[in-house]
Amino acid sequence: MKKVAVILSGCGVFDGSEIHEAVLTLLALDRAGAEAVCVAPDLMQKHVVNHLTGEEDPASRRNVREESARIARGKVTELAALDPKTVDALIFVGGYGAAKNLCTLAFDGPKYDIDPIVLDLVKRAHAEGRPLGFMCIAPAIAAAALGDKSPELTIGNDAGTAATLEGRGARHRECAVEDVVVDSENRLVSTPAYMLAQSITEAESGINKLVAEVLKMAD
């Protein structure tokens, strides 16, 4: 049975993991007979957003790993403790948490940085030859971490975001919501998910393909 680390960044599209993307990823892995290991960093969110109003809640403080446990039904490995040798592949879920808690794209734009622990994990996983999947805005993490490898990635068709990723060394390819971009040389797979999806069904199509391609690479 393949074991796949699913990297989360909190709970909720505006300040954490996009929940639909996370659940669809877990469902696709389960249907494929793979074991999902949910993983998240043990750090505080950059801020908390009230998902009912869309407004920031400056009085609230939340921990990324604790919030991710809501999606994972309580079982979340600390990202710093994950050895990529113990899994067959890794998949990074999207949502603003990927751009706020795992890297600083949402705040710093083209000059964004990646959390050092996330950066180290991506580099080690790539060096070990582990397939890596990135959806929604998460390809920004791959662009910065592996920019010296000229990774081929997609975030859909947003020209500004694509230019930001290319500025970090990535090669961006436009991609429809139901499709994926496969970089065989770097063992990367990406899909737009909710960068383009207008419904959970649209997001599901590309995510299912991403999971299938990642598992195929892990064979």
N, C-alpha and C. Protein backbone atom coordinates (compact mmCIF):
# COMPACT_ATOMS: atom_id res chain seq x y z
N MET A 1 0.84 -1.19 0.00
CA MET A 1 0.00 0.00 0.00
C MET A 1 0.88 1.25 0.00
N LYS A 2 0.61 2.15 -0.94
CA LYS A 2 1.35 3.40 -1.00
C LYS A 2 0.96 4.30 0.18
N LYS A 3 1.95 4.99 0.73
CA LYS A 3 1.72 5.94 1.82
C LYS A 3 2.03 7.34 1.30
N VAL A 4 1.06 8.24 1.41
CA VAL A 4 1.20 9.59 0.85
C VAL A 4 0.98 10.63 1.94
N ALA A 5 1.93 11.52 2.10
CA ALA A 5 1.79 12.63 3.03
C ALA A 5 0.94 13.72 2.39
N VAL A 6 -0.11 14.13 3.08
CA VAL A 6 -0.97 15.21 2.61
C VAL A 6 -0.69 16.42 3.48
N ILE A 7 -0.08 17.45 2.89
CA ILE A 7 0.38 18.60 3.65
C ILE A 7 -0.73 19.63 3.76
N LEU A 8 -1.12 19.92 5.01
CA LEU A 8 -2.18 20.87 5.30
C LEU A 8 -1.61 22.14 5.91
N SER A 9 -2.41 23.20 5.90
CA SER A 9 -1.93 24.51 6.38
C SER A 9 -2.97 25.20 7.25
N GLY A 10 -3.80 24.42 7.93
CA GLY A 10 -4.87 24.98 8.73
C GLY A 10 -6.21 24.44 8.26
N CYS A 11 -7.29 25.15 8.59
CA CYS A 11 -8.62 24.66 8.25
C CYS A 11 -9.50 25.83 7.82
N GLY A 12 -9.72 25.93 6.51
CA GLY A 12 -10.56 27.00 5.98
C GLY A 12 -9.85 27.77 4.89
N VAL A 13 -10.54 28.01 3.78
CA VAL A 13 -9.92 28.54 2.58
C VAL A 13 -9.19 29.87 2.79
N PHE A 14 -9.70 30.75 3.66
CA PHE A 14 -9.15 32.10 3.74
C PHE A 14 -7.92 32.22 4.64
N ASP A 15 -7.70 31.26 5.53
CA ASP A 15 -6.52 31.34 6.40
C ASP A 15 -5.86 29.99 6.62
N GLY A 16 -6.32 28.95 5.90
CA GLY A 16 -5.76 27.61 6.07
C GLY A 16 -5.93 26.78 4.82
N SER A 17 -6.07 25.48 4.98
CA SER A 17 -6.27 24.60 3.83
C SER A 17 -7.68 24.76 3.27
N GLU A 18 -7.80 24.65 1.95
CA GLU A 18 -9.11 24.63 1.31
C GLU A 18 -9.72 23.27 1.62
N ILE A 19 -10.81 23.27 2.38
CA ILE A 19 -11.34 22.02 2.93
C ILE A 19 -11.81 21.07 1.84
N HIS A 20 -12.48 21.59 0.82
CA HIS A 20 -12.93 20.71 -0.27
C HIS A 20 -11.73 20.03 -0.93
N GLU A 21 -10.67 20.80 -1.19
CA GLU A 21 -9.48 20.21 -1.81
C GLU A 21 -8.88 19.14 -0.93
N ALA A 22 -8.82 19.41 0.36
CA ALA A 22 -8.24 18.44 1.29
C ALA A 22 -9.05 17.15 1.32
N VAL A 23 -10.37 17.28 1.44
CA VAL A 23 -11.22 16.10 1.53
C VAL A 23 -11.22 15.32 0.22
N LEU A 24 -11.25 16.02 -0.90
CA LEU A 24 -11.21 15.34 -2.20
C LEU A 24 -9.89 14.58 -2.38
N THR A 25 -8.81 15.16 -1.90
CA THR A 25 -7.50 14.48 -1.97
C THR A 25 -7.52 13.21 -1.12
N LEU A 26 -8.01 13.32 0.10
CA LEU A 26 -8.08 12.16 0.99
C LEU A 26 -8.99 11.08 0.42
N LEU A 27 -10.10 11.50 -0.17
CA LEU A 27 -11.03 10.54 -0.77
C LEU A 27 -10.40 9.83 -1.96
N ALA A 28 -9.73 10.59 -2.83
CA ALA A 28 -9.10 9.99 -4.01
C ALA A 28 -8.01 9.00 -3.60
N LEU A 29 -7.25 9.34 -2.58
CA LEU A 29 -6.21 8.42 -2.11
C LEU A 29 -6.82 7.15 -1.54
N ASP A 30 -7.89 7.29 -0.77
CA ASP A 30 -8.53 6.13 -0.18
C ASP A 30 -9.12 5.23 -1.26
N ARG A 31 -9.77 5.83 -2.25
CA ARG A 31 -10.33 5.04 -3.34
C ARG A 31 -9.26 4.30 -4.12
N ALA A 32 -8.06 4.87 -4.17
CA ALA A 32 -6.96 4.23 -4.90
C ALA A 32 -6.24 3.19 -4.06
N GLY A 33 -6.67 3.01 -2.82
CA GLY A 33 -6.04 2.03 -1.96
C GLY A 33 -4.75 2.50 -1.32
N ALA A 34 -4.55 3.82 -1.27
CA ALA A 34 -3.35 4.39 -0.66
C ALA A 34 -3.65 4.86 0.75
N GLU A 35 -2.63 4.91 1.58
CA GLU A 35 -2.77 5.42 2.94
C GLU A 35 -2.36 6.88 2.98
N ALA A 36 -3.25 7.74 3.46
CA ALA A 36 -2.94 9.16 3.59
C ALA A 36 -2.43 9.44 5.00
N VAL A 37 -1.36 10.21 5.08
CA VAL A 37 -0.81 10.67 6.35
C VAL A 37 -0.91 12.18 6.36
N CYS A 38 -1.80 12.72 7.16
CA CYS A 38 -1.96 14.18 7.21
C CYS A 38 -0.81 14.80 8.00
N VAL A 39 -0.28 15.90 7.47
CA VAL A 39 0.90 16.53 8.04
C VAL A 39 0.68 18.04 8.06
N ALA A 40 1.12 18.72 9.11
CA ALA A 40 1.02 20.17 9.18
C ALA A 40 2.10 20.72 10.10
N PRO A 41 2.55 21.94 9.85
CA PRO A 41 3.56 22.54 10.73
C PRO A 41 2.96 22.97 12.06
N ASP A 42 3.75 22.88 13.10
CA ASP A 42 3.32 23.32 14.43
C ASP A 42 3.73 24.77 14.61
N LEU A 43 2.92 25.67 14.08
CA LEU A 43 3.20 27.10 14.18
C LEU A 43 1.88 27.86 14.23
N MET A 44 1.95 29.12 14.62
CA MET A 44 0.74 29.93 14.70
C MET A 44 0.38 30.49 13.33
N GLN A 45 -0.92 30.54 13.06
CA GLN A 45 -1.38 31.15 11.81
C GLN A 45 -0.97 32.62 11.78
N LYS A 46 -0.75 33.11 10.56
CA LYS A 46 -0.39 34.52 10.43
C LYS A 46 -1.53 35.42 10.89
N HIS A 47 -2.75 34.98 10.64
CA HIS A 47 -3.95 35.66 11.18
C HIS A 47 -5.13 34.71 11.08
N VAL A 48 -6.24 35.10 11.65
CA VAL A 48 -7.45 34.29 11.64
C VAL A 48 -8.54 35.08 10.90
N VAL A 49 -9.26 34.39 10.01
CA VAL A 49 -10.33 35.02 9.24
C VAL A 49 -11.66 34.41 9.66
N ASN A 50 -12.65 35.26 9.89
CA ASN A 50 -14.02 34.82 10.12
C ASN A 50 -14.59 34.41 8.77
N HIS A 51 -14.81 33.11 8.59
CA HIS A 51 -15.24 32.63 7.28
C HIS A 51 -16.69 32.97 6.96
N LEU A 52 -17.44 33.42 7.93
CA LEU A 52 -18.81 33.84 7.67
C LEU A 52 -18.84 35.25 7.07
N THR A 53 -17.99 36.12 7.58
CA THR A 53 -17.98 37.51 7.12
C THR A 53 -16.85 37.82 6.14
N GLY A 54 -15.80 36.96 6.15
CA GLY A 54 -14.62 37.23 5.34
C GLY A 54 -13.68 38.24 5.95
N GLU A 55 -13.97 38.67 7.18
CA GLU A 55 -13.14 39.67 7.84
C GLU A 55 -12.10 39.02 8.74
N GLU A 56 -10.95 39.68 8.86
CA GLU A 56 -9.93 39.21 9.79
C GLU A 56 -10.41 39.40 11.22
N ASP A 57 -10.07 38.43 12.07
CA ASP A 57 -10.42 38.48 13.48
C ASP A 57 -9.15 38.68 14.29
N PRO A 58 -8.77 39.94 14.55
CA PRO A 58 -7.47 40.20 15.20
C PRO A 58 -7.37 39.70 16.62
N ALA A 59 -8.49 39.39 17.26
CA ALA A 59 -8.46 38.93 18.65
C ALA A 59 -8.19 37.44 18.76
N SER A 60 -8.28 36.71 17.65
CA SER A 60 -8.14 35.25 17.69
C SER A 60 -6.73 34.81 17.32
N ARG A 61 -6.30 33.72 17.95
CA ARG A 61 -5.02 33.10 17.64
C ARG A 61 -5.25 31.61 17.45
N ARG A 62 -4.72 31.06 16.38
CA ARG A 62 -4.92 29.64 16.12
C ARG A 62 -3.62 29.00 15.64
N ASN A 63 -3.45 27.74 15.99
CA ASN A 63 -2.28 26.97 15.62
C ASN A 63 -2.56 26.16 14.35
N VAL A 64 -1.64 26.19 13.40
CA VAL A 64 -1.85 25.54 12.10
C VAL A 64 -2.07 24.04 12.25
N ARG A 65 -1.27 23.40 13.07
CA ARG A 65 -1.41 21.95 13.23
C ARG A 65 -2.72 21.61 13.93
N GLU A 66 -3.08 22.37 14.97
CA GLU A 66 -4.33 22.12 15.68
C GLU A 66 -5.53 22.30 14.76
N GLU A 67 -5.50 23.33 13.93
CA GLU A 67 -6.60 23.57 13.01
C GLU A 67 -6.66 22.48 11.93
N SER A 68 -5.51 22.03 11.47
CA SER A 68 -5.47 20.97 10.47
C SER A 68 -6.06 19.68 11.01
N ALA A 69 -5.96 19.48 12.31
CA ALA A 69 -6.52 18.28 12.94
C ALA A 69 -8.03 18.21 12.78
N ARG A 70 -8.68 19.35 12.54
CA ARG A 70 -10.12 19.33 12.29
C ARG A 70 -10.43 18.55 11.01
N ILE A 71 -9.58 18.72 10.01
CA ILE A 71 -9.77 18.01 8.74
C ILE A 71 -9.34 16.55 8.87
N ALA A 72 -8.26 16.34 9.59
CA ALA A 72 -7.66 15.00 9.69
C ALA A 72 -8.29 14.13 10.77
N ARG A 73 -9.38 14.61 11.37
CA ARG A 73 -10.07 13.87 12.43
C ARG A 73 -9.12 13.57 13.58
N GLY A 74 -8.24 14.53 13.86
CA GLY A 74 -7.40 14.49 15.05
C GLY A 74 -6.00 13.97 14.89
N LYS A 75 -5.71 13.32 13.77
CA LYS A 75 -4.39 12.69 13.63
C LYS A 75 -3.55 13.44 12.60
N VAL A 76 -2.61 14.25 13.09
CA VAL A 76 -1.77 15.07 12.21
C VAL A 76 -0.31 14.96 12.64
N THR A 77 0.54 14.49 11.75
CA THR A 77 1.97 14.43 12.01
C THR A 77 2.56 15.84 11.94
N GLU A 78 3.47 16.14 12.84
CA GLU A 78 4.14 17.44 12.78
C GLU A 78 5.08 17.47 11.58
N LEU A 79 5.00 18.53 10.79
CA LEU A 79 5.76 18.60 9.54
C LEU A 79 7.26 18.46 9.78
N ALA A 80 7.76 19.06 10.84
CA ALA A 80 9.20 18.99 11.13
C ALA A 80 9.67 17.58 11.41
N ALA A 81 8.74 16.71 11.81
CA ALA A 81 9.10 15.32 12.16
C ALA A 81 8.97 14.36 10.98
N LEU A 82 8.47 14.86 9.85
CA LEU A 82 8.25 13.97 8.71
C LEU A 82 9.55 13.71 7.96
N ASP A 83 9.90 12.46 7.84
CA ASP A 83 11.04 12.04 7.02
C ASP A 83 10.48 11.59 5.67
N PRO A 84 10.83 12.28 4.57
CA PRO A 84 10.27 11.89 3.27
C PRO A 84 10.58 10.46 2.87
N LYS A 85 11.59 9.85 3.50
CA LYS A 85 11.90 8.46 3.20
C LYS A 85 10.81 7.51 3.69
N THR A 86 9.97 7.98 4.62
CA THR A 86 8.94 7.12 5.20
C THR A 86 7.63 7.15 4.43
N VAL A 87 7.55 7.96 3.38
CA VAL A 87 6.35 8.02 2.54
C VAL A 87 6.75 7.82 1.09
N ASP A 88 5.76 7.48 0.27
CA ASP A 88 6.02 7.25 -1.15
C ASP A 88 5.84 8.51 -1.99
N ALA A 89 5.10 9.48 -1.47
CA ALA A 89 4.83 10.71 -2.20
C ALA A 89 4.29 11.75 -1.24
N LEU A 90 4.25 13.01 -1.69
CA LEU A 90 3.71 14.09 -0.89
C LEU A 90 2.78 14.93 -1.76
N ILE A 91 1.66 15.38 -1.19
CA ILE A 91 0.72 16.24 -1.91
C ILE A 91 0.42 17.45 -1.04
N PHE A 92 0.58 18.64 -1.61
CA PHE A 92 0.32 19.90 -0.93
C PHE A 92 -1.05 20.42 -1.34
N VAL A 93 -1.93 20.55 -0.36
CA VAL A 93 -3.27 21.08 -0.60
C VAL A 93 -3.21 22.60 -0.68
N GLY A 94 -4.15 23.20 -1.44
CA GLY A 94 -4.18 24.64 -1.58
C GLY A 94 -4.99 25.33 -0.50
N GLY A 95 -5.49 26.51 -0.82
CA GLY A 95 -6.10 27.38 0.17
C GLY A 95 -5.12 28.48 0.54
N TYR A 96 -5.64 29.59 1.07
CA TYR A 96 -4.76 30.71 1.40
C TYR A 96 -3.73 30.35 2.47
N GLY A 97 -3.99 29.30 3.25
CA GLY A 97 -3.00 28.89 4.23
C GLY A 97 -1.68 28.52 3.60
N ALA A 98 -1.73 27.94 2.40
CA ALA A 98 -0.50 27.60 1.69
C ALA A 98 0.28 28.86 1.34
N ALA A 99 -0.43 29.96 1.09
CA ALA A 99 0.20 31.22 0.70
C ALA A 99 0.42 32.15 1.88
N LYS A 100 -0.06 31.76 3.07
CA LYS A 100 0.11 32.59 4.26
C LYS A 100 0.91 31.91 5.36
N ASN A 101 0.67 30.62 5.56
CA ASN A 101 1.31 29.89 6.65
C ASN A 101 2.50 29.05 6.21
N LEU A 102 2.46 28.54 4.97
CA LEU A 102 3.59 27.74 4.46
C LEU A 102 4.59 28.59 3.70
N CYS A 103 4.10 29.69 3.12
CA CYS A 103 4.98 30.67 2.50
C CYS A 103 4.31 32.04 2.68
N THR A 104 4.94 33.10 2.18
CA THR A 104 4.42 34.45 2.42
C THR A 104 3.91 35.12 1.15
N LEU A 105 3.54 34.32 0.16
CA LEU A 105 3.09 34.86 -1.11
C LEU A 105 1.94 35.85 -0.94
N ALA A 106 0.98 35.53 -0.08
CA ALA A 106 -0.20 36.38 0.09
C ALA A 106 0.15 37.76 0.65
N PHE A 107 1.27 37.84 1.36
CA PHE A 107 1.67 39.10 1.98
C PHE A 107 2.75 39.83 1.21
N ASP A 108 3.69 39.08 0.62
CA ASP A 108 4.89 39.67 0.04
C ASP A 108 4.93 39.64 -1.48
N GLY A 109 3.96 39.00 -2.12
CA GLY A 109 3.95 38.95 -3.58
C GLY A 109 5.20 38.29 -4.13
N PRO A 110 5.77 38.84 -5.22
CA PRO A 110 6.90 38.19 -5.89
C PRO A 110 8.13 37.99 -5.02
N LYS A 111 8.23 38.71 -3.91
CA LYS A 111 9.40 38.59 -3.04
C LYS A 111 9.15 37.62 -1.88
N TYR A 112 8.16 36.76 -2.03
CA TYR A 112 7.77 35.86 -0.95
C TYR A 112 8.86 34.87 -0.56
N ASP A 113 8.79 34.43 0.68
CA ASP A 113 9.69 33.41 1.22
C ASP A 113 8.88 32.17 1.61
N ILE A 114 9.57 31.05 1.77
CA ILE A 114 8.94 29.81 2.24
C ILE A 114 9.37 29.56 3.68
N ASP A 115 8.45 29.05 4.48
CA ASP A 115 8.83 28.63 5.82
C ASP A 115 10.03 27.69 5.71
N PRO A 116 11.07 27.89 6.51
CA PRO A 116 12.30 27.08 6.38
C PRO A 116 12.07 25.58 6.51
N ILE A 117 11.14 25.17 7.37
CA ILE A 117 10.88 23.74 7.55
C ILE A 117 10.19 23.16 6.32
N VAL A 118 9.28 23.94 5.73
CA VAL A 118 8.63 23.52 4.49
C VAL A 118 9.65 23.44 3.36
N LEU A 119 10.50 24.43 3.28
CA LEU A 119 11.54 24.46 2.25
C LEU A 119 12.43 23.23 2.35
N ASP A 120 12.85 22.92 3.56
CA ASP A 120 13.73 21.76 3.77
C ASP A 120 13.03 20.47 3.38
N LEU A 121 11.74 20.35 3.73
CA LEU A 121 11.01 19.12 3.40
C LEU A 121 10.89 18.94 1.89
N VAL A 122 10.54 20.00 1.17
CA VAL A 122 10.40 19.90 -0.29
C VAL A 122 11.72 19.52 -0.93
N LYS A 123 12.80 20.15 -0.50
CA LYS A 123 14.11 19.87 -1.08
C LYS A 123 14.54 18.43 -0.79
N ARG A 124 14.31 17.98 0.44
CA ARG A 124 14.69 16.60 0.79
C ARG A 124 13.85 15.59 0.02
N ALA A 125 12.55 15.86 -0.08
CA ALA A 125 11.67 14.93 -0.80
C ALA A 125 12.07 14.85 -2.27
N HIS A 126 12.38 15.98 -2.86
CA HIS A 126 12.80 16.00 -4.27
C HIS A 126 14.11 15.25 -4.44
N ALA A 127 15.06 15.48 -3.52
CA ALA A 127 16.35 14.79 -3.60
C ALA A 127 16.20 13.29 -3.45
N GLU A 128 15.18 12.86 -2.69
CA GLU A 128 14.93 11.43 -2.49
C GLU A 128 14.13 10.83 -3.64
N GLY A 129 13.73 11.67 -4.60
CA GLY A 129 12.98 11.17 -5.75
C GLY A 129 11.52 10.92 -5.47
N ARG A 130 10.99 11.52 -4.40
CA ARG A 130 9.58 11.33 -4.08
C ARG A 130 8.71 12.20 -4.98
N PRO A 131 7.66 11.64 -5.58
CA PRO A 131 6.74 12.45 -6.37
C PRO A 131 6.07 13.51 -5.48
N LEU A 132 5.86 14.69 -6.06
CA LEU A 132 5.26 15.79 -5.32
C LEU A 132 4.07 16.33 -6.09
N GLY A 133 2.93 16.48 -5.41
CA GLY A 133 1.75 17.06 -6.02
C GLY A 133 1.43 18.40 -5.38
N PHE A 134 1.00 19.36 -6.20
CA PHE A 134 0.67 20.70 -5.71
C PHE A 134 -0.61 21.16 -6.39
N MET A 135 -1.57 21.67 -5.60
CA MET A 135 -2.82 22.13 -6.19
C MET A 135 -3.13 23.56 -5.78
N CYS A 136 -3.97 24.20 -6.59
CA CYS A 136 -4.44 25.55 -6.30
C CYS A 136 -3.23 26.50 -6.27
N ILE A 137 -3.01 27.23 -5.18
CA ILE A 137 -1.89 28.16 -5.08
C ILE A 137 -0.61 27.51 -4.57
N ALA A 138 -0.69 26.25 -4.12
CA ALA A 138 0.48 25.56 -3.56
C ALA A 138 1.66 25.42 -4.52
N PRO A 139 1.46 25.43 -5.87
CA PRO A 139 2.64 25.39 -6.74
C PRO A 139 3.63 26.53 -6.49
N ALA A 140 3.19 27.59 -5.83
CA ALA A 140 4.13 28.66 -5.49
C ALA A 140 5.23 28.15 -4.58
N ILE A 141 4.91 27.17 -3.75
CA ILE A 141 5.91 26.57 -2.87
C ILE A 141 6.96 25.83 -3.69
N ALA A 142 6.49 25.06 -4.68
CA ALA A 142 7.43 24.33 -5.54
C ALA A 142 8.28 25.28 -6.36
N ALA A 143 7.68 26.37 -6.84
CA ALA A 143 8.43 27.32 -7.67
C ALA A 143 9.61 27.89 -6.92
N ALA A 144 9.39 28.27 -5.67
CA ALA A 144 10.47 28.88 -4.90
C ALA A 144 11.46 27.85 -4.37
N ALA A 145 10.95 26.69 -3.94
CA ALA A 145 11.83 25.68 -3.36
C ALA A 145 12.70 25.00 -4.40
N LEU A 146 12.14 24.83 -5.62
CA LEU A 146 12.84 24.07 -6.66
C LEU A 146 13.10 24.91 -7.90
N GLY A 147 13.13 26.21 -7.73
CA GLY A 147 13.32 27.10 -8.88
C GLY A 147 14.58 26.83 -9.67
N ASP A 148 15.62 26.36 -8.99
CA ASP A 148 16.87 26.06 -9.70
C ASP A 148 16.74 24.83 -10.58
N LYS A 149 15.63 24.08 -10.44
CA LYS A 149 15.38 22.90 -11.27
C LYS A 149 14.43 23.22 -12.43
N SER A 150 14.02 24.48 -12.57
CA SER A 150 13.08 24.91 -13.62
C SER A 150 11.83 24.04 -13.66
N PRO A 151 11.11 23.91 -12.54
CA PRO A 151 9.94 23.04 -12.51
C PRO A 151 8.83 23.55 -13.42
N GLU A 152 8.14 22.62 -14.07
CA GLU A 152 6.98 22.96 -14.90
C GLU A 152 5.73 22.81 -14.05
N LEU A 153 4.96 23.90 -13.91
CA LEU A 153 3.85 23.95 -12.97
C LEU A 153 2.67 24.70 -13.56
N THR A 154 1.53 24.59 -12.88
CA THR A 154 0.37 25.40 -13.27
C THR A 154 -0.36 25.92 -12.04
N ILE A 155 -0.91 27.11 -12.16
CA ILE A 155 -1.90 27.61 -11.20
C ILE A 155 -3.18 27.94 -11.96
N GLY A 156 -3.25 27.50 -13.21
CA GLY A 156 -4.42 27.76 -14.04
C GLY A 156 -4.08 28.72 -15.15
N ASN A 157 -4.64 29.94 -15.08
CA ASN A 157 -4.38 30.89 -16.18
C ASN A 157 -4.26 32.33 -15.70
N ASP A 158 -4.05 32.54 -14.39
CA ASP A 158 -3.89 33.90 -13.88
C ASP A 158 -2.50 34.42 -14.24
N ALA A 159 -2.46 35.42 -15.10
CA ALA A 159 -1.18 35.88 -15.65
C ALA A 159 -0.26 36.45 -14.57
N GLY A 160 -0.82 37.19 -13.62
CA GLY A 160 0.01 37.79 -12.59
C GLY A 160 0.67 36.77 -11.70
N THR A 161 -0.10 35.79 -11.25
CA THR A 161 0.45 34.74 -10.40
C THR A 161 1.44 33.88 -11.16
N ALA A 162 1.12 33.60 -12.42
CA ALA A 162 2.04 32.82 -13.26
C ALA A 162 3.38 33.54 -13.40
N ALA A 163 3.33 34.85 -13.58
CA ALA A 163 4.57 35.63 -13.71
C ALA A 163 5.38 35.59 -12.42
N THR A 164 4.69 35.61 -11.29
CA THR A 164 5.39 35.52 -10.00
C THR A 164 6.12 34.19 -9.88
N LEU A 165 5.47 33.09 -10.27
CA LEU A 165 6.12 31.78 -10.20
C LEU A 165 7.29 31.70 -11.17
N GLU A 166 7.11 32.27 -12.36
CA GLU A 166 8.21 32.26 -13.33
C GLU A 166 9.38 33.09 -12.84
N GLY A 167 9.07 34.13 -12.08
CA GLY A 167 10.14 34.94 -11.51
C GLY A 167 10.98 34.20 -10.50
N ARG A 168 10.45 33.09 -9.97
CA ARG A 168 11.20 32.26 -9.03
C ARG A 168 11.86 31.07 -9.71
N GLY A 169 11.74 30.98 -11.03
CA GLY A 169 12.44 29.93 -11.77
C GLY A 169 11.56 28.87 -12.39
N ALA A 170 10.24 28.92 -12.11
CA ALA A 170 9.34 27.91 -12.66
C ALA A 170 9.01 28.19 -14.12
N ARG A 171 8.57 27.16 -14.82
CA ARG A 171 7.99 27.30 -16.16
C ARG A 171 6.50 27.07 -16.02
N HIS A 172 5.72 28.11 -16.25
CA HIS A 172 4.28 27.99 -16.06
C HIS A 172 3.58 27.55 -17.33
N ARG A 173 2.63 26.61 -17.17
CA ARG A 173 1.78 26.20 -18.29
C ARG A 173 0.32 26.43 -17.91
N GLU A 174 -0.41 27.10 -18.80
CA GLU A 174 -1.84 27.25 -18.57
C GLU A 174 -2.50 25.87 -18.60
N CYS A 175 -3.54 25.72 -17.76
CA CYS A 175 -4.15 24.41 -17.61
C CYS A 175 -5.61 24.58 -17.25
N ALA A 176 -6.47 23.77 -17.83
CA ALA A 176 -7.89 23.78 -17.50
C ALA A 176 -8.11 23.15 -16.13
N VAL A 177 -9.25 23.48 -15.52
CA VAL A 177 -9.52 23.03 -14.16
C VAL A 177 -9.56 21.51 -14.04
N GLU A 178 -9.96 20.84 -15.11
CA GLU A 178 -10.10 19.38 -15.03
C GLU A 178 -8.82 18.64 -15.40
N ASP A 179 -7.74 19.36 -15.62
CA ASP A 179 -6.52 18.72 -16.11
C ASP A 179 -5.37 18.93 -15.14
N VAL A 180 -4.23 18.36 -15.48
CA VAL A 180 -3.02 18.47 -14.67
C VAL A 180 -1.83 18.79 -15.57
N VAL A 181 -0.79 19.31 -14.96
CA VAL A 181 0.50 19.47 -15.63
C VAL A 181 1.48 18.53 -14.96
N VAL A 182 2.12 17.68 -15.76
CA VAL A 182 3.05 16.69 -15.23
C VAL A 182 4.47 17.06 -15.66
N ASP A 183 5.35 17.24 -14.69
CA ASP A 183 6.76 17.46 -14.94
C ASP A 183 7.47 16.15 -14.59
N SER A 184 7.66 15.32 -15.60
CA SER A 184 8.22 13.98 -15.37
C SER A 184 9.65 14.04 -14.86
N GLU A 185 10.41 15.00 -15.37
CA GLU A 185 11.82 15.10 -14.98
C GLU A 185 11.96 15.40 -13.49
N ASN A 186 11.15 16.33 -13.01
CA ASN A 186 11.22 16.70 -11.60
C ASN A 186 10.24 15.94 -10.72
N ARG A 187 9.44 15.05 -11.34
CA ARG A 187 8.48 14.23 -10.62
C ARG A 187 7.48 15.10 -9.85
N LEU A 188 6.92 16.07 -10.58
CA LEU A 188 5.95 17.00 -10.02
C LEU A 188 4.64 16.92 -10.80
N VAL A 189 3.52 17.08 -10.09
CA VAL A 189 2.20 17.15 -10.72
C VAL A 189 1.46 18.32 -10.09
N SER A 190 0.79 19.12 -10.92
CA SER A 190 0.03 20.25 -10.39
C SER A 190 -1.30 20.38 -11.13
N THR A 191 -2.27 20.98 -10.44
CA THR A 191 -3.60 21.20 -11.02
C THR A 191 -4.18 22.48 -10.43
N PRO A 192 -5.02 23.21 -11.19
CA PRO A 192 -5.52 24.50 -10.70
C PRO A 192 -6.49 24.42 -9.52
N ALA A 193 -7.30 23.35 -9.46
CA ALA A 193 -8.31 23.22 -8.39
C ALA A 193 -9.09 24.53 -8.27
N TYR A 194 -9.18 25.07 -7.04
CA TYR A 194 -10.03 26.25 -6.84
C TYR A 194 -9.41 27.56 -7.31
N MET A 195 -8.27 27.52 -7.95
CA MET A 195 -7.81 28.70 -8.69
C MET A 195 -8.75 28.95 -9.86
N LEU A 196 -9.42 27.88 -10.33
CA LEU A 196 -10.35 27.99 -11.45
C LEU A 196 -11.72 27.40 -11.16
N ALA A 197 -11.79 26.42 -10.29
CA ALA A 197 -13.04 25.67 -10.10
C ALA A 197 -14.18 26.57 -9.64
N GLN A 198 -15.34 26.35 -10.23
CA GLN A 198 -16.56 27.05 -9.84
C GLN A 198 -17.50 26.16 -9.04
N SER A 199 -17.08 24.91 -8.84
CA SER A 199 -17.88 23.97 -8.06
C SER A 199 -16.97 22.87 -7.54
N ILE A 200 -17.46 22.14 -6.56
CA ILE A 200 -16.67 21.04 -6.00
C ILE A 200 -16.48 19.94 -7.04
N THR A 201 -17.44 19.78 -7.94
CA THR A 201 -17.31 18.76 -8.99
C THR A 201 -16.18 19.11 -9.95
N GLU A 202 -16.07 20.40 -10.30
CA GLU A 202 -14.97 20.82 -11.17
C GLU A 202 -13.63 20.59 -10.48
N ALA A 203 -13.54 20.91 -9.20
CA ALA A 203 -12.29 20.71 -8.48
C ALA A 203 -11.93 19.23 -8.40
N GLU A 204 -12.93 18.40 -8.24
CA GLU A 204 -12.70 16.96 -8.08
C GLU A 204 -11.99 16.36 -9.29
N SER A 205 -12.37 16.78 -10.47
CA SER A 205 -11.81 16.17 -11.68
C SER A 205 -10.29 16.30 -11.73
N GLY A 206 -9.80 17.51 -11.55
CA GLY A 206 -8.35 17.72 -11.60
C GLY A 206 -7.62 17.08 -10.44
N ILE A 207 -8.24 17.13 -9.26
CA ILE A 207 -7.61 16.53 -8.08
C ILE A 207 -7.51 15.02 -8.24
N ASN A 208 -8.54 14.40 -8.77
CA ASN A 208 -8.47 12.95 -9.01
C ASN A 208 -7.33 12.61 -9.96
N LYS A 209 -7.16 13.43 -11.01
CA LYS A 209 -6.08 13.17 -11.96
C LYS A 209 -4.72 13.39 -11.30
N LEU A 210 -4.62 14.43 -10.46
CA LEU A 210 -3.36 14.68 -9.78
C LEU A 210 -2.99 13.49 -8.90
N VAL A 211 -3.94 13.00 -8.11
CA VAL A 211 -3.66 11.87 -7.23
C VAL A 211 -3.25 10.65 -8.05
N ALA A 212 -3.95 10.40 -9.14
CA ALA A 212 -3.62 9.25 -9.99
C ALA A 212 -2.21 9.35 -10.55
N GLU A 213 -1.84 10.54 -11.01
CA GLU A 213 -0.50 10.72 -11.60
C GLU A 213 0.58 10.62 -10.54
N VAL A 214 0.34 11.16 -9.35
CA VAL A 214 1.32 11.07 -8.27
C VAL A 214 1.54 9.60 -7.89
N LEU A 215 0.45 8.85 -7.77
CA LEU A 215 0.58 7.43 -7.41
C LEU A 215 1.27 6.64 -8.51
N LYS A 216 1.02 7.00 -9.76
CA LYS A 216 1.68 6.33 -10.87
C LYS A 216 3.20 6.56 -10.81
N MET A 217 3.58 7.79 -10.48
CA MET A 217 5.00 8.10 -10.36
C MET A 217 5.64 7.34 -9.20
N ALA A 218 4.84 7.05 -8.18
CA ALA A 218 5.38 6.38 -6.99
C ALA A 218 5.56 4.89 -7.18
N ASP A 219 5.07 4.34 -8.30
CA ASP A 219 5.22 2.91 -8.55
C ASP A 219 6.68 2.50 -8.72
